[in-house]
Structures are given as structure tokens and as C-alpha cells.
Amino acid sequence: MLMCRDLAEIASDYIDGELNGRQNLSVKMHLMMCKDCRTFIGNLRASSNLLSAHSPKRADEEFLRRIDERVAEALNAHTIGYSTQSSPPAAIRLSHP
């Protein structure tokens, strides 16, 4: 039988769906019998969802490639004499995809 402290140790893995079948079943059986752990899992899931909703998403690979190219162009332009310009070269003015 899974104890409350055991559930607390694997709660994040449970929420993320990373437990094997046996562990998942043990958690579900425990949650059926333990109101405190149901509350704990509910709060942890809500916190996880809130953090996910406000976390930055992974940037588009094409956008990252264009940034890399423009940085390289800007560095190259800087080394051949654009360092005296009053405004940055167009190569470093980024636009979103």
C-alpha cells in the first residue's frame, strides 16, 4: 500500500504521466482512499497548469535560425567598419516570424 509520504515523492511524475502502470494504479488506489492526498494532487496539478500557462513556449526553429544569421551578419558588419555608425546595422533589427 502506498503511503502519503510515498505519494508526495512521486506526485509530479504522476501528474506528468511518467509513472509505470503499477505505480499509476497504486497512486489511484491511494487517492480513492485519502482525501488529503486528493487535495494535494489537485493543488499540485493546478499549480502545474498555472505555471505551464505562463511559461514561455519553445521558440520556432526557423525564427531561431534567422536570429543566428542576423547576429552573425551584425558581427561580421561590425568587424568591417560599421562600428562607427550611430544606429545599429539593419542586420540586428529583428522581426518576429
Foldseek 3Di string as FASTA:
>chain_A
DDDLVNCVVCLVCQLVVNDDPVVVVVNVVVVVPDVVVVVVSVVVNVVVVVCVVPDDDDDDPVLVVLQVVLVVVQVVVCVVPPVPDPDGDPSNPGDDD
